[in-house]
Amino acid sequence: MRKRRLGRSTLEVSAIGLGCMGLSHSYGQPVEKQQGIALIRAAVDRGVTFFDTAEVYGPHTNEELVGEALAPLRDRVVIATKFGFQVSGPEGTRQGLNSRPEHIRQAAEGCLKRLRTDRIDLFYQHRVDPKVPMEDVAGAVKDLIREGKVRHFGLSEASVQSIRRAHAVQPVTALQSEYSLWWREPESDVLPVLEELGIGFVPFSPLGRGFLTGAIDENTKFDSTDFRNGVPRFAPEARKANQALVEAVGRIAGRKGVTRAQLALAWILARKPWIVPIPGTTRLERLEENIHAADVELDAGDLREIDEALAGIAIQGARYSQQMQTLVDR
């Protein structure tokens, strides 16, 4: 697979990464461990070098899965994980934000152990903690970088102000935020600042949490543990209204001879050369489909056609519940 460099950093990764969260967390029942290990290793075999996890996915269990799967392949891959939540108790319960410097160090030690590694390639602050100055957060990660425990610093769902404050203390290698054909908000303010500062962009949910693939409609039933049950954009009436977007994407994908998922990923890749999406999946055939999106070429005419087709479609439903939205930095 082609490689991309995240911004002006030295961190080079496959053009498409693998978001590992769904193997253990948020999208229904976790996969069986050996199935998850096999999928991750199959991704490496097919050229994927960029794997994304977090201490709260599971919680903890996703890091353990990723660590076991990649331990024999460690020098061939880049592993990104995240800190920033208070995780405690025997079940690893998530209890609010915590990015105090001492907690960041504690989180790093736990991540290293679970990932079976001596360094974290990309360490994101999972969500901005309004109680801790960003300068303190960046300074704590800077110390970990000096010690060799972390290679690169990242932020997730951070505002332009937070990005600038962090970058002034420790250069930010990448921002991870939601971005797709049905959530384009980062284009207005965030992407120009990333380009200015030389920061890479790692879109999560680049397939609209599965909706852009065409596999979900208003009649789809999610597992009781699937977080989409509480997302307004996935309410049945919103899904029905938003089919117009899926149909438009499908028409253009059909003309190009690719799937909806491949078109959606190729569109992201065509935006900027320093953008690396991280679609997730639990199925080998979907993994292969996503990987082949890196071979899809979209020219200026294709991009214009996509923009024109989607311009008149109003997406229905908020992307997060009110509770989840409170964690997004503004």
C-alpha atoms as a PDB file:
ATOM      1  CA  MET A   1       0.000   0.000   0.000  1.00  0.00           C
ATOM      2  CA  ARG A   2       1.079   3.563  -0.603  1.00  0.00           C
ATOM      3  CA  LYS A   3       2.472   5.459   2.367  1.00  0.00           C
ATOM      4  CA  ARG A   4       1.662   8.918   3.646  1.00  0.00           C
ATOM      5  CA  ARG A   5       3.469  11.247   6.010  1.00  0.00           C
ATOM      6  CA  LEU A   6       1.409  12.832   8.778  1.00  0.00           C
ATOM      7  CA  GLY A   7       1.916  16.541   8.241  1.00  0.00           C
ATOM      8  CA  ARG A   8       5.527  17.682   8.321  1.00  0.00           C
ATOM      9  CA  SER A   9       6.481  15.055  10.889  1.00  0.00           C
ATOM     10  CA  THR A  10       8.712  12.040  10.328  1.00  0.00           C
ATOM     11  CA  LEU A  11       5.820   9.648  10.968  1.00  0.00           C
ATOM     12  CA  GLU A  12       5.028   7.693   7.800  1.00  0.00           C
ATOM     13  CA  VAL A  13       2.094   5.285   7.720  1.00  0.00           C
ATOM     14  CA  SER A  14      -0.038   3.350   5.252  1.00  0.00           C
ATOM     15  CA  ALA A  15      -2.496   5.559   3.344  1.00  0.00           C
ATOM     16  CA  ILE A  16      -5.340   3.753   5.112  1.00  0.00           C
ATOM     17  CA  GLY A  17      -5.067   2.611   8.711  1.00  0.00           C
ATOM     18  CA  LEU A  18      -7.198   0.294  10.823  1.00  0.00           C
ATOM     19  CA  GLY A  19      -9.381   1.622  13.618  1.00  0.00           C
ATOM     20  CA  CYS A  20      -9.472  -1.235  16.121  1.00  0.00           C
ATOM     21  CA  MET A  21     -12.142   0.049  18.528  1.00  0.00           C
ATOM     22  CA  GLY A  22     -15.007  -1.930  17.014  1.00  0.00           C
ATOM     23  CA  LEU A  23     -13.260  -5.227  17.673  1.00  0.00           C
ATOM     24  CA  SER A  24     -13.859  -4.732  21.396  1.00  0.00           C
ATOM     25  CA  HIS A  25     -16.078  -1.738  22.017  1.00  0.00           C
ATOM     26  CA  SER A  26     -19.110   0.364  21.035  1.00  0.00           C
ATOM     27  CA  TYR A  27     -20.426  -1.568  18.018  1.00  0.00           C
ATOM     28  CA  GLY A  28     -22.064  -4.542  19.664  1.00  0.00           C
ATOM     29  CA  GLN A  29     -20.502  -7.648  21.167  1.00  0.00           C
ATOM     30  CA  PRO A  30     -16.680  -7.925  21.071  1.00  0.00           C
ATOM     31  CA  VAL A  31     -15.210 -10.345  18.566  1.00  0.00           C
ATOM     32  CA  GLU A  32     -13.585 -13.523  19.819  1.00  0.00           C
ATOM     33  CA  LYS A  33      -9.931 -12.810  20.617  1.00  0.00           C
ATOM     34  CA  GLN A  34      -8.381 -15.085  18.002  1.00  0.00           C
ATOM     35  CA  GLN A  35     -10.688 -13.634  15.355  1.00  0.00           C
ATOM     36  CA  GLY A  36      -9.529 -10.134  16.238  1.00  0.00           C
ATOM     37  CA  ILE A  37      -5.871 -11.147  16.209  1.00  0.00           C
ATOM     38  CA  ALA A  38      -6.309 -12.805  12.816  1.00  0.00           C
ATOM     39  CA  LEU A  39      -7.951  -9.694  11.349  1.00  0.00           C
ATOM     40  CA  ILE A  40      -5.213  -7.363  12.602  1.00  0.00           C
ATOM     41  CA  ARG A  41      -2.472  -9.623  11.266  1.00  0.00           C
ATOM     42  CA  ALA A  42      -4.308  -9.951   7.959  1.00  0.00           C
ATOM     43  CA  ALA A  43      -4.243  -6.163   7.732  1.00  0.00           C
ATOM     44  CA  VAL A  44      -0.465  -6.159   8.176  1.00  0.00           C
ATOM     45  CA  ASP A  45      -0.124  -8.831   5.495  1.00  0.00           C
ATOM     46  CA  ARG A  46      -2.045  -6.546   3.123  1.00  0.00           C
ATOM     47  CA  GLY A  47       0.110  -3.494   3.735  1.00  0.00           C
ATOM     48  CA  VAL A  48      -1.598  -1.712   6.624  1.00  0.00           C
ATOM     49  CA  THR A  49       0.979  -0.273   9.014  1.00  0.00           C
ATOM     50  CA  PHE A  50      -1.163   2.111  11.117  1.00  0.00           C
ATOM     51  CA  PHE A  51      -3.296   0.765  13.983  1.00  0.00           C
ATOM     52  CA  ASP A  52      -5.463   2.844  16.306  1.00  0.00           C
ATOM     53  CA  THR A  53      -6.655   1.943  19.803  1.00  0.00           C
ATOM     54  CA  ALA A  54      -7.218   3.591  23.218  1.00  0.00           C
ATOM     55  CA  GLU A  55      -7.120   2.699  26.885  1.00  0.00           C
ATOM     56  CA  VAL A  56     -10.901   3.178  27.183  1.00  0.00           C
ATOM     57  CA  TYR A  57     -11.795   0.801  24.350  1.00  0.00           C
ATOM     58  CA  GLY A  58     -12.993  -2.193  26.264  1.00  0.00           C
ATOM     59  CA  PRO A  59     -11.839  -0.578  28.556  1.00  0.00           C
ATOM     60  CA  HIS A  60      -8.233  -1.842  28.306  1.00  0.00           C
ATOM     61  CA  THR A  61      -9.154  -5.003  26.389  1.00  0.00           C
ATOM     62  CA  ASN A  62      -8.690  -3.458  22.942  1.00  0.00           C
ATOM     63  CA  GLU A  63      -5.122  -2.427  23.751  1.00  0.00           C
ATOM     64  CA  GLU A  64      -4.442  -5.937  24.999  1.00  0.00           C
ATOM     65  CA  LEU A  65      -5.839  -7.408  21.773  1.00  0.00           C
ATOM     66  CA  VAL A  66      -3.830  -5.037  19.581  1.00  0.00           C
ATOM     67  CA  GLY A  67      -0.707  -5.640  21.653  1.00  0.00           C
ATOM     68  CA  GLU A  68      -0.932  -9.412  21.378  1.00  0.00           C
ATOM     69  CA  ALA A  69      -1.691  -9.290  17.658  1.00  0.00           C
ATOM     70  CA  LEU A  70       1.159  -6.935  16.783  1.00  0.00           C
ATOM     71  CA  ALA A  71       3.873  -8.036  19.224  1.00  0.00           C
ATOM     72  CA  PRO A  72       5.538 -10.352  16.667  1.00  0.00           C
ATOM     73  CA  LEU A  73       5.284  -7.604  14.020  1.00  0.00           C
ATOM     74  CA  ARG A  74       6.128  -4.610  16.174  1.00  0.00           C
ATOM     75  CA  ASP A  75       8.893  -3.128  14.042  1.00  0.00           C
ATOM     76  CA  ARG A  76       6.698  -3.193  10.932  1.00  0.00           C
ATOM     77  CA  VAL A  77       3.827  -1.118  12.341  1.00  0.00           C
ATOM     78  CA  VAL A  78       2.844   2.191  13.908  1.00  0.00           C
ATOM     79  CA  ILE A  79       0.596   1.978  16.979  1.00  0.00           C
ATOM     80  CA  ALA A  80      -1.505   4.918  18.142  1.00  0.00           C
ATOM     81  CA  THR A  81      -3.317   4.942  21.465  1.00  0.00           C
ATOM     82  CA  LYS A  82      -4.967   7.549  23.671  1.00  0.00           C
ATOM     83  CA  PHE A  83      -5.058   8.894  27.211  1.00  0.00           C
ATOM     84  CA  GLY A  84      -7.335  11.379  28.922  1.00  0.00           C
ATOM     85  CA  PHE A  85     -10.052   9.496  30.778  1.00  0.00           C
ATOM     86  CA  GLN A  86     -10.072   8.313  34.353  1.00  0.00           C
ATOM     87  CA  VAL A  87     -10.281   4.529  34.141  1.00  0.00           C
ATOM     88  CA  SER A  88     -10.571   2.730  37.465  1.00  0.00           C
ATOM     89  CA  GLY A  89     -11.996  -0.276  39.282  1.00  0.00           C
ATOM     90  CA  PRO A  90     -11.723  -3.985  38.487  1.00  0.00           C
ATOM     91  CA  GLU A  91     -13.882  -3.599  35.375  1.00  0.00           C
ATOM     92  CA  GLY A  92     -11.945  -0.578  34.113  1.00  0.00           C
ATOM     93  CA  THR A  93     -14.897   1.782  34.428  1.00  0.00           C
ATOM     94  CA  ARG A  94     -14.577   5.122  32.645  1.00  0.00           C
ATOM     95  CA  GLN A  95     -15.138   7.958  35.100  1.00  0.00           C
ATOM     96  CA  GLY A  96     -14.808  11.314  33.380  1.00  0.00           C
ATOM     97  CA  LEU A  97     -11.848  13.217  31.983  1.00  0.00           C
ATOM     98  CA  ASN A  98      -8.406  13.276  33.568  1.00  0.00           C
ATOM     99  CA  SER A  99      -5.411  14.789  31.765  1.00  0.00           C
ATOM    100  CA  ARG A 100      -3.410  15.838  34.802  1.00  0.00           C
ATOM    101  CA  PRO A 101       0.297  15.342  34.063  1.00  0.00           C
ATOM    102  CA  GLU A 102       0.728  12.663  36.713  1.00  0.00           C
ATOM    103  CA  HIS A 103      -2.214  10.756  35.283  1.00  0.00           C
ATOM    104  CA  ILE A 104      -0.836  11.002  31.741  1.00  0.00           C
ATOM    105  CA  ARG A 105       2.349   9.327  32.928  1.00  0.00           C
ATOM    106  CA  GLN A 106       0.358   6.631  34.718  1.00  0.00           C
ATOM    107  CA  ALA A 107      -1.764   6.063  31.614  1.00  0.00           C
ATOM    108  CA  ALA A 108       1.336   5.778  29.422  1.00  0.00           C
ATOM    109  CA  GLU A 109       2.822   3.073  31.627  1.00  0.00           C
ATOM    110  CA  GLY A 110      -0.420   1.098  31.477  1.00  0.00           C
ATOM    111  CA  CYS A 111      -0.649   1.472  27.691  1.00  0.00           C
ATOM    112  CA  LEU A 112       2.931   0.290  27.208  1.00  0.00           C
ATOM    113  CA  LYS A 113       2.284  -2.801  29.294  1.00  0.00           C
ATOM    114  CA  ARG A 114      -0.975  -3.725  27.569  1.00  0.00           C
ATOM    115  CA  LEU A 115       0.470  -3.084  24.115  1.00  0.00           C
ATOM    116  CA  ARG A 116       3.531  -5.211  24.889  1.00  0.00           C
ATOM    117  CA  THR A 117       5.886  -2.533  23.629  1.00  0.00           C
ATOM    118  CA  ASP A 118       8.594  -0.152  24.798  1.00  0.00           C
ATOM    119  CA  ARG A 119       7.261   2.890  22.943  1.00  0.00           C
ATOM    120  CA  ILE A 120       3.974   4.432  21.845  1.00  0.00           C
ATOM    121  CA  ASP A 121       4.327   5.725  18.301  1.00  0.00           C
ATOM    122  CA  LEU A 122       1.486   8.261  18.535  1.00  0.00           C
ATOM    123  CA  PHE A 123      -0.055   9.247  21.879  1.00  0.00           C
ATOM    124  CA  TYR A 124      -3.288  11.230  21.564  1.00  0.00           C
ATOM    125  CA  GLN A 125      -5.129  13.190  24.205  1.00  0.00           C
ATOM    126  CA  HIS A 126      -8.498  11.479  23.708  1.00  0.00           C
ATOM    127  CA  ARG A 127     -10.556  14.514  24.665  1.00  0.00           C
ATOM    128  CA  VAL A 128      -9.514  17.968  25.802  1.00  0.00           C
ATOM    129  CA  ASP A 129      -9.771  18.326  29.585  1.00  0.00           C
ATOM    130  CA  PRO A 130     -11.028  21.853  30.410  1.00  0.00           C
ATOM    131  CA  LYS A 131      -9.686  21.529  33.964  1.00  0.00           C
ATOM    132  CA  VAL A 132      -6.075  21.070  32.853  1.00  0.00           C
ATOM    133  CA  PRO A 133      -4.192  23.746  30.874  1.00  0.00           C
ATOM    134  CA  MET A 134      -3.241  22.455  27.441  1.00  0.00           C
ATOM    135  CA  GLU A 135       0.319  23.625  28.072  1.00  0.00           C
ATOM    136  CA  ASP A 136       0.551  21.188  30.994  1.00  0.00           C
ATOM    137  CA  VAL A 137      -0.768  18.341  28.861  1.00  0.00           C
ATOM    138  CA  ALA A 138       1.672  19.026  26.043  1.00  0.00           C
ATOM    139  CA  GLY A 139       4.504  19.404  28.537  1.00  0.00           C
ATOM    140  CA  ALA A 140       3.762  16.019  30.097  1.00  0.00           C
ATOM    141  CA  VAL A 141       3.822  14.314  26.707  1.00  0.00           C
ATOM    142  CA  LYS A 142       6.990  16.203  25.809  1.00  0.00           C
ATOM    143  CA  ASP A 143       8.662  14.643  28.860  1.00  0.00           C
ATOM    144  CA  LEU A 144       7.550  11.172  27.747  1.00  0.00           C
ATOM    145  CA  ILE A 145       8.979  11.846  24.282  1.00  0.00           C
ATOM    146  CA  ARG A 146      12.318  12.881  25.809  1.00  0.00           C
ATOM    147  CA  GLU A 147      12.349   9.607  27.740  1.00  0.00           C
ATOM    148  CA  GLY A 148      11.692   7.569  24.591  1.00  0.00           C
ATOM    149  CA  LYS A 149       8.383   6.163  25.814  1.00  0.00           C
ATOM    150  CA  VAL A 150       6.380   8.167  23.259  1.00  0.00           C
ATOM    151  CA  ARG A 151       7.445   9.146  19.742  1.00  0.00           C
ATOM    152  CA  HIS A 152       4.716  11.581  18.638  1.00  0.00           C
ATOM    153  CA  PHE A 153       1.982  13.703  20.239  1.00  0.00           C
ATOM    154  CA  GLY A 154      -1.593  13.873  18.988  1.00  0.00           C
ATOM    155  CA  LEU A 155      -4.952  15.418  19.874  1.00  0.00           C
ATOM    156  CA  SER A 156      -8.491  14.195  19.278  1.00  0.00           C
ATOM    157  CA  GLU A 157     -11.601  16.321  18.704  1.00  0.00           C
ATOM    158  CA  ALA A 158      -9.622  19.423  19.698  1.00  0.00           C
ATOM    159  CA  SER A 159     -10.509  22.988  18.753  1.00  0.00           C
ATOM    160  CA  VAL A 160      -8.241  25.323  16.811  1.00  0.00           C
ATOM    161  CA  GLN A 161      -7.357  27.178  20.015  1.00  0.00           C
ATOM    162  CA  SER A 162      -6.343  23.968  21.786  1.00  0.00           C
ATOM    163  CA  ILE A 163      -4.322  22.811  18.790  1.00  0.00           C
ATOM    164  CA  ARG A 164      -2.349  26.050  18.681  1.00  0.00           C
ATOM    165  CA  ARG A 165      -1.691  26.058  22.434  1.00  0.00           C
ATOM    166  CA  ALA A 166      -0.480  22.455  22.413  1.00  0.00           C
ATOM    167  CA  HIS A 167       1.653  22.877  19.299  1.00  0.00           C
ATOM    168  CA  ALA A 168       3.488  25.835  20.848  1.00  0.00           C
ATOM    169  CA  VAL A 169       4.799  23.556  23.627  1.00  0.00           C
ATOM    170  CA  GLN A 170       5.244  20.222  21.830  1.00  0.00           C
ATOM    171  CA  PRO A 171       4.736  19.881  18.064  1.00  0.00           C
ATOM    172  CA  VAL A 172       1.503  18.040  17.351  1.00  0.00           C
ATOM    173  CA  THR A 173       1.952  15.300  14.773  1.00  0.00           C
ATOM    174  CA  ALA A 174      -1.710  14.513  14.144  1.00  0.00           C
ATOM    175  CA  LEU A 175      -5.254  15.475  14.984  1.00  0.00           C
ATOM    176  CA  GLN A 176      -7.859  12.730  15.067  1.00  0.00           C
ATOM    177  CA  SER A 177     -11.456  13.846  14.595  1.00  0.00           C
ATOM    178  CA  GLU A 178     -14.558  12.681  12.802  1.00  0.00           C
ATOM    179  CA  TYR A 179     -14.620  13.515   9.091  1.00  0.00           C
ATOM    180  CA  SER A 180     -16.567  11.995   6.229  1.00  0.00           C
ATOM    181  CA  LEU A 181     -18.990  12.766   3.436  1.00  0.00           C
ATOM    182  CA  TRP A 182     -21.676  13.305   6.050  1.00  0.00           C
ATOM    183  CA  TRP A 183     -19.601  15.262   8.595  1.00  0.00           C
ATOM    184  CA  ARG A 184     -17.497  17.959   6.964  1.00  0.00           C
ATOM    185  CA  GLU A 185     -17.279  20.514   9.764  1.00  0.00           C
ATOM    186  CA  PRO A 186     -13.445  20.273  10.057  1.00  0.00           C
ATOM    187  CA  GLU A 187     -13.108  21.822   6.591  1.00  0.00           C
ATOM    188  CA  SER A 188     -14.110  25.291   7.767  1.00  0.00           C
ATOM    189  CA  ASP A 189     -11.597  26.019  10.535  1.00  0.00           C
ATOM    190  CA  VAL A 190      -9.559  22.977  11.493  1.00  0.00           C
ATOM    191  CA  LEU A 191      -8.067  21.780   8.197  1.00  0.00           C
ATOM    192  CA  PRO A 192      -6.594  25.198   7.286  1.00  0.00           C
ATOM    193  CA  VAL A 193      -4.843  25.375  10.659  1.00  0.00           C
ATOM    194  CA  LEU A 194      -3.496  21.834  10.326  1.00  0.00           C
ATOM    195  CA  GLU A 195      -2.071  22.740   6.923  1.00  0.00           C
ATOM    196  CA  GLU A 196      -0.562  25.946   8.297  1.00  0.00           C
ATOM    197  CA  LEU A 197       1.132  24.155  11.202  1.00  0.00           C
ATOM    198  CA  GLY A 198       2.117  21.008   9.315  1.00  0.00           C
ATOM    199  CA  ILE A 199      -0.091  18.661  11.344  1.00  0.00           C
ATOM    200  CA  GLY A 200      -1.514  15.464   9.885  1.00  0.00           C
ATOM    201  CA  PHE A 201      -5.203  14.583  10.035  1.00  0.00           C
ATOM    202  CA  VAL A 202      -6.572  11.150  10.964  1.00  0.00           C
ATOM    203  CA  PRO A 203     -10.332  10.961  10.348  1.00  0.00           C
ATOM    204  CA  PHE A 204     -12.247   8.456  12.426  1.00  0.00           C
ATOM    205  CA  SER A 205     -15.648   7.162  11.290  1.00  0.00           C
ATOM    206  CA  PRO A 206     -14.745   7.938   7.649  1.00  0.00           C
ATOM    207  CA  LEU A 207     -17.633   5.696   6.566  1.00  0.00           C
ATOM    208  CA  GLY A 208     -20.169   7.454   8.771  1.00  0.00           C
ATOM    209  CA  ARG A 209     -20.130   4.635  11.356  1.00  0.00           C
ATOM    210  CA  GLY A 210     -21.128   2.251   8.589  1.00  0.00           C
ATOM    211  CA  PHE A 211     -23.976   4.289   7.167  1.00  0.00           C
ATOM    212  CA  LEU A 212     -22.162   5.391   4.004  1.00  0.00           C
ATOM    213  CA  THR A 213     -21.631   1.766   2.955  1.00  0.00           C
ATOM    214  CA  GLY A 214     -25.330   1.360   2.215  1.00  0.00           C
ATOM    215  CA  ALA A 215     -25.639  -1.561   4.627  1.00  0.00           C
ATOM    216  CA  ILE A 216     -27.843   0.355   7.100  1.00  0.00           C
ATOM    217  CA  ASP A 217     -31.389   1.636   6.652  1.00  0.00           C
ATOM    218  CA  GLU A 218     -34.288   2.648   8.876  1.00  0.00           C
ATOM    219  CA  ASN A 219     -35.130  -1.005   9.561  1.00  0.00           C
ATOM    220  CA  THR A 220     -31.664  -2.034  10.743  1.00  0.00           C
ATOM    221  CA  LYS A 221     -31.602  -3.353  14.317  1.00  0.00           C
ATOM    222  CA  PHE A 222     -28.447  -2.728  16.315  1.00  0.00           C
ATOM    223  CA  ASP A 223     -27.196  -4.870  19.182  1.00  0.00           C
ATOM    224  CA  SER A 224     -28.342  -3.577  22.570  1.00  0.00           C
ATOM    225  CA  THR A 225     -24.744  -2.634  23.430  1.00  0.00           C
ATOM    226  CA  ASP A 226     -24.206  -0.661  20.201  1.00  0.00           C
ATOM    227  CA  PHE A 227     -23.691   3.030  20.987  1.00  0.00           C
ATOM    228  CA  ARG A 228     -25.456   4.041  17.769  1.00  0.00           C
ATOM    229  CA  ASN A 229     -28.736   3.297  19.553  1.00  0.00           C
ATOM    230  CA  GLY A 230     -28.237   6.582  21.423  1.00  0.00           C
ATOM    231  CA  VAL A 231     -27.004   8.696  18.507  1.00  0.00           C
ATOM    232  CA  PRO A 232     -29.670  11.033  17.025  1.00  0.00           C
ATOM    233  CA  ARG A 233     -28.293  10.592  13.508  1.00  0.00           C
ATOM    234  CA  PHE A 234     -29.081   6.869  13.793  1.00  0.00           C
ATOM    235  CA  ALA A 235     -32.681   7.259  14.930  1.00  0.00           C
ATOM    236  CA  PRO A 236     -34.897   5.409  12.416  1.00  0.00           C
ATOM    237  CA  GLU A 237     -36.440   8.596  11.024  1.00  0.00           C
ATOM    238  CA  ALA A 238     -32.996  10.164  10.524  1.00  0.00           C
ATOM    239  CA  ARG A 239     -31.689   7.034   8.823  1.00  0.00           C
ATOM    240  CA  LYS A 240     -34.637   7.110   6.461  1.00  0.00           C
ATOM    241  CA  ALA A 241     -34.071  10.764   5.601  1.00  0.00           C
ATOM    242  CA  ASN A 242     -30.326  10.292   5.186  1.00  0.00           C
ATOM    243  CA  GLN A 243     -30.723   7.548   2.584  1.00  0.00           C
ATOM    244  CA  ALA A 244     -30.641  10.332   0.003  1.00  0.00           C
ATOM    245  CA  LEU A 245     -26.930  10.736   0.740  1.00  0.00           C
ATOM    246  CA  VAL A 246     -26.278   7.011   0.430  1.00  0.00           C
ATOM    247  CA  GLU A 247     -28.136   6.892  -2.891  1.00  0.00           C
ATOM    248  CA  ALA A 248     -26.139   9.818  -4.281  1.00  0.00           C
ATOM    249  CA  VAL A 249     -22.864   8.223  -3.229  1.00  0.00           C
ATOM    250  CA  GLY A 250     -24.036   4.930  -4.748  1.00  0.00           C
ATOM    251  CA  ARG A 251     -24.741   6.504  -8.141  1.00  0.00           C
ATOM    252  CA  ILE A 252     -21.284   8.014  -8.402  1.00  0.00           C
ATOM    253  CA  ALA A 253     -19.593   4.877  -7.064  1.00  0.00           C
ATOM    254  CA  GLY A 254     -21.423   2.807  -9.666  1.00  0.00           C
ATOM    255  CA  ARG A 255     -20.193   5.045 -12.454  1.00  0.00           C
ATOM    256  CA  LYS A 256     -16.632   4.685 -11.140  1.00  0.00           C
ATOM    257  CA  GLY A 257     -16.949   0.917 -10.756  1.00  0.00           C
ATOM    258  CA  VAL A 258     -16.227   0.968  -7.018  1.00  0.00           C
ATOM    259  CA  THR A 259     -18.229   0.431  -3.843  1.00  0.00           C
ATOM    260  CA  ARG A 260     -19.757   3.205  -1.751  1.00  0.00           C
ATOM    261  CA  ALA A 261     -17.165   2.600   0.959  1.00  0.00           C
ATOM    262  CA  GLN A 262     -14.317   2.850  -1.520  1.00  0.00           C
ATOM    263  CA  LEU A 263     -15.652   6.091  -2.948  1.00  0.00           C
ATOM    264  CA  ALA A 264     -16.081   7.593   0.526  1.00  0.00           C
ATOM    265  CA  LEU A 265     -12.514   6.679   1.514  1.00  0.00           C
ATOM    266  CA  ALA A 266     -11.032   7.755  -1.817  1.00  0.00           C
ATOM    267  CA  TRP A 267     -12.782  11.113  -1.413  1.00  0.00           C
ATOM    268  CA  ILE A 268     -11.043  11.627   1.938  1.00  0.00           C
ATOM    269  CA  LEU A 269      -7.667  10.610   0.521  1.00  0.00           C
ATOM    270  CA  ALA A 270      -8.127  13.089  -2.329  1.00  0.00           C
ATOM    271  CA  ARG A 271      -8.662  16.024   0.010  1.00  0.00           C
ATOM    272  CA  LYS A 272      -5.054  16.382   1.195  1.00  0.00           C
ATOM    273  CA  PRO A 273      -1.930  14.192   0.997  1.00  0.00           C
ATOM    274  CA  TRP A 274      -1.474  14.348   4.779  1.00  0.00           C
ATOM    275  CA  ILE A 275      -4.877  12.847   5.625  1.00  0.00           C
ATOM    276  CA  VAL A 276      -5.016   9.178   6.681  1.00  0.00           C
ATOM    277  CA  PRO A 277      -8.462   7.670   7.442  1.00  0.00           C
ATOM    278  CA  ILE A 278      -8.799   4.772   9.873  1.00  0.00           C
ATOM    279  CA  PRO A 279     -11.948   2.787   8.990  1.00  0.00           C
ATOM    280  CA  GLY A 280     -12.755  -0.076  11.318  1.00  0.00           C
ATOM    281  CA  THR A 281     -14.244  -3.465  10.597  1.00  0.00           C
ATOM    282  CA  THR A 282     -14.560  -6.957  12.051  1.00  0.00           C
ATOM    283  CA  ARG A 283     -14.704  -8.727   8.682  1.00  0.00           C
ATOM    284  CA  LEU A 284     -11.883  -9.670   6.337  1.00  0.00           C
ATOM    285  CA  GLU A 285     -13.858  -8.934   3.170  1.00  0.00           C
ATOM    286  CA  ARG A 286     -14.617  -5.408   4.393  1.00  0.00           C
ATOM    287  CA  LEU A 287     -10.976  -4.912   5.356  1.00  0.00           C
ATOM    288  CA  GLU A 288      -9.904  -5.818   1.826  1.00  0.00           C
ATOM    289  CA  GLU A 289     -12.589  -3.582   0.326  1.00  0.00           C
ATOM    290  CA  ASN A 290     -11.397  -0.631   2.389  1.00  0.00           C
ATOM    291  CA  ILE A 291      -7.734  -1.228   1.590  1.00  0.00           C
ATOM    292  CA  HIS A 292      -8.430  -1.166  -2.163  1.00  0.00           C
ATOM    293  CA  ALA A 293      -9.869   2.333  -1.777  1.00  0.00           C
ATOM    294  CA  ALA A 294      -6.259   3.526  -1.732  1.00  0.00           C
ATOM    295  CA  ASP A 295      -6.051   2.533  -5.415  1.00  0.00           C
ATOM    296  CA  VAL A 296      -9.094   4.576  -6.460  1.00  0.00           C
ATOM    297  CA  GLU A 297      -8.169   7.783  -8.266  1.00  0.00           C
ATOM    298  CA  LEU A 298     -10.582  10.723  -8.121  1.00  0.00           C
ATOM    299  CA  ASP A 299      -9.862  13.660 -10.400  1.00  0.00           C
ATOM    300  CA  ALA A 300     -11.117  17.237 -10.100  1.00  0.00           C
ATOM    301  CA  GLY A 301     -14.215  16.365 -12.116  1.00  0.00           C
ATOM    302  CA  ASP A 302     -15.072  13.481  -9.802  1.00  0.00           C
ATOM    303  CA  LEU A 303     -14.678  15.664  -6.725  1.00  0.00           C
ATOM    304  CA  ARG A 304     -16.809  18.388  -8.276  1.00  0.00           C
ATOM    305  CA  GLU A 305     -19.507  15.844  -9.117  1.00  0.00           C
ATOM    306  CA  ILE A 306     -19.533  14.576  -5.541  1.00  0.00           C
ATOM    307  CA  ASP A 307     -19.782  18.092  -4.120  1.00  0.00           C
ATOM    308  CA  GLU A 308     -22.607  19.010  -6.487  1.00  0.00           C
ATOM    309  CA  ALA A 309     -24.520  15.806  -5.795  1.00  0.00           C
ATOM    310  CA  LEU A 310     -24.332  16.255  -2.037  1.00  0.00           C
ATOM    311  CA  ALA A 311     -24.788  20.029  -1.896  1.00  0.00           C
ATOM    312  CA  GLY A 312     -28.558  19.898  -1.773  1.00  0.00           C
ATOM    313  CA  ILE A 313     -28.810  17.089   0.786  1.00  0.00           C
ATOM    314  CA  ALA A 314     -29.398  18.175   4.386  1.00  0.00           C
ATOM    315  CA  ILE A 315     -28.169  15.546   6.849  1.00  0.00           C
ATOM    316  CA  GLN A 316     -30.670  14.827   9.608  1.00  0.00           C
ATOM    317  CA  GLY A 317     -29.748  14.233  13.255  1.00  0.00           C
ATOM    318  CA  ALA A 318     -26.875  15.275  15.494  1.00  0.00           C
ATOM    319  CA  ARG A 319     -23.736  13.157  15.302  1.00  0.00           C
ATOM    320  CA  TYR A 320     -23.540  12.736  19.094  1.00  0.00           C
ATOM    321  CA  SER A 321     -25.939  12.506  22.008  1.00  0.00           C
ATOM    322  CA  GLN A 322     -26.018  15.576  24.239  1.00  0.00           C
ATOM    323  CA  GLN A 323     -23.871  13.771  26.828  1.00  0.00           C
ATOM    324  CA  MET A 324     -21.191  12.816  24.301  1.00  0.00           C
ATOM    325  CA  GLN A 325     -21.241  16.283  22.751  1.00  0.00           C
ATOM    326  CA  THR A 326     -20.146  17.815  26.059  1.00  0.00           C
ATOM    327  CA  LEU A 327     -16.776  16.081  25.615  1.00  0.00           C
ATOM    328  CA  VAL A 328     -16.062  17.773  22.266  1.00  0.00           C
ATOM    329  CA  ASP A 329     -13.735  20.774  22.585  1.00  0.00           C
ATOM    330  CA  ARG A 330     -15.099  24.030  21.222  1.00  0.00           C
END
